[in-house]
Amino acid sequence: MNKYLANSCKILFVVAFVTIVAATVVIAYPKYRHARDLMMEKERIMRRIDEKRAEIAEIKTKQNRFNTDREFVETLARQNRRVFPGELVFVFDD
């Protein structure tokens, strides 16, 4: 009888261990997947932030040129067909 009880206890412990491991996997995997998705989202947002910072730096550079470089402003104005008062402009279309 002792042998039967010992085998039953071993089987019960193995089944309990397997059940605990399976339950842990079932509970932990969705949380792991969610954490991985959040990390990917964070990386995507950080890339977007870096792109926006680069865009802001470029805009600040242009803004600084507008404030300091008269030729730059005149070139942009002429590209947009702006003229000084009294100037005569000839536009040739292709």
Protein backbone atom coordinates (compact mmCIF):
# COMPACT_ATOMS: atom_id res chain seq x y z
CA MET A 1 0.00 0.00 0.00
CA ASN A 2 2.88 2.35 0.75
CA LYS A 3 4.24 1.83 -2.76
CA TYR A 4 0.86 2.72 -4.26
CA LEU A 5 0.62 5.85 -2.10
CA ALA A 6 4.19 6.89 -3.00
CA ASN A 7 3.49 6.47 -6.75
CA SER A 8 0.24 8.37 -6.40
CA CYS A 9 2.02 11.23 -4.63
CA LYS A 10 4.71 11.38 -7.32
CA ILE A 11 2.10 11.43 -10.07
CA LEU A 12 0.11 14.08 -8.20
CA PHE A 13 3.22 16.27 -7.79
CA VAL A 14 4.12 15.91 -11.47
CA VAL A 15 0.57 16.79 -12.54
CA ALA A 16 0.50 19.73 -10.14
CA PHE A 17 3.88 20.95 -11.40
CA VAL A 18 2.80 20.68 -15.05
CA THR A 19 -0.47 22.44 -14.24
CA ILE A 20 1.34 25.28 -12.49
CA VAL A 21 3.81 25.67 -15.36
CA ALA A 22 0.99 25.62 -17.94
CA ALA A 23 -1.02 28.17 -15.95
CA THR A 24 2.02 30.42 -15.64
CA VAL A 25 2.60 30.28 -19.40
CA VAL A 26 -1.06 30.93 -20.15
CA ILE A 27 -1.11 33.92 -17.80
CA ALA A 28 2.34 35.34 -18.60
CA TYR A 29 2.43 35.06 -22.42
CA PRO A 30 -0.27 37.70 -23.13
CA LYS A 31 1.47 40.08 -20.73
CA TYR A 32 4.81 39.41 -22.43
CA ARG A 33 3.25 40.01 -25.85
CA HIS A 34 1.61 43.22 -24.62
CA ALA A 35 4.92 44.43 -23.18
CA ARG A 36 6.65 43.66 -26.50
CA ASP A 37 3.96 45.58 -28.39
CA LEU A 38 4.40 48.53 -26.04
CA MET A 39 8.15 48.51 -26.62
CA MET A 40 7.63 48.52 -30.39
CA GLU A 41 5.16 51.40 -30.03
CA LYS A 42 7.67 53.29 -27.88
CA GLU A 43 10.39 52.80 -30.52
CA ARG A 44 8.04 54.04 -33.25
CA ILE A 45 7.12 57.11 -31.21
CA MET A 46 10.79 57.82 -30.40
CA ARG A 47 11.66 57.68 -34.12
CA ARG A 48 8.80 60.08 -34.81
CA ILE A 49 10.04 62.42 -32.06
CA ASP A 50 13.53 62.37 -33.58
CA GLU A 51 12.08 63.19 -37.01
CA LYS A 52 10.11 66.09 -35.55
CA ARG A 53 13.20 67.39 -33.72
CA ALA A 54 15.13 67.34 -37.01
CA GLU A 55 12.25 69.14 -38.70
CA ILE A 56 12.17 71.77 -35.95
CA ALA A 57 15.94 72.29 -36.25
CA GLU A 58 15.58 72.78 -40.01
CA ILE A 59 12.76 75.28 -39.52
CA LYS A 60 14.78 77.18 -36.91
CA THR A 61 17.70 77.34 -39.34
CA LYS A 62 15.45 78.78 -42.04
CA GLN A 63 13.95 81.19 -39.54
CA ASN A 64 17.43 82.36 -38.59
CA ARG A 65 18.29 82.83 -42.26
CA PHE A 66 15.15 84.92 -42.71
CA ASN A 67 16.28 87.17 -39.89
CA THR A 68 19.93 87.49 -40.99
CA ASP A 69 20.34 86.74 -44.73
CA ARG A 70 18.81 89.39 -46.96
CA GLU A 71 19.83 87.60 -50.17
CA PHE A 72 18.06 84.43 -49.05
CA VAL A 73 14.83 86.35 -48.47
CA GLU A 74 15.14 88.09 -51.82
CA THR A 75 15.78 84.79 -53.61
CA LEU A 76 12.70 83.21 -52.05
CA ALA A 77 10.63 86.27 -52.87
CA ARG A 78 11.73 86.19 -56.51
CA GLN A 79 10.98 82.45 -56.76
CA ASN A 80 7.44 83.30 -55.68
CA ARG A 81 7.24 86.08 -58.30
CA ARG A 82 7.48 88.97 -55.86
CA VAL A 83 9.06 92.20 -57.02
CA PHE A 84 10.25 95.49 -55.60
CA PRO A 85 7.99 98.47 -56.23
CA GLY A 86 8.58 99.92 -59.69
CA GLU A 87 10.27 96.81 -61.13
CA LEU A 88 9.17 95.38 -64.46
CA VAL A 89 9.16 91.58 -64.62
CA PHE A 90 9.21 89.47 -67.73
CA VAL A 91 7.95 85.89 -67.24
CA PHE A 92 8.66 83.37 -69.97
CA ASP A 93 6.62 80.16 -69.91
CA ASP A 94 8.05 77.07 -71.57
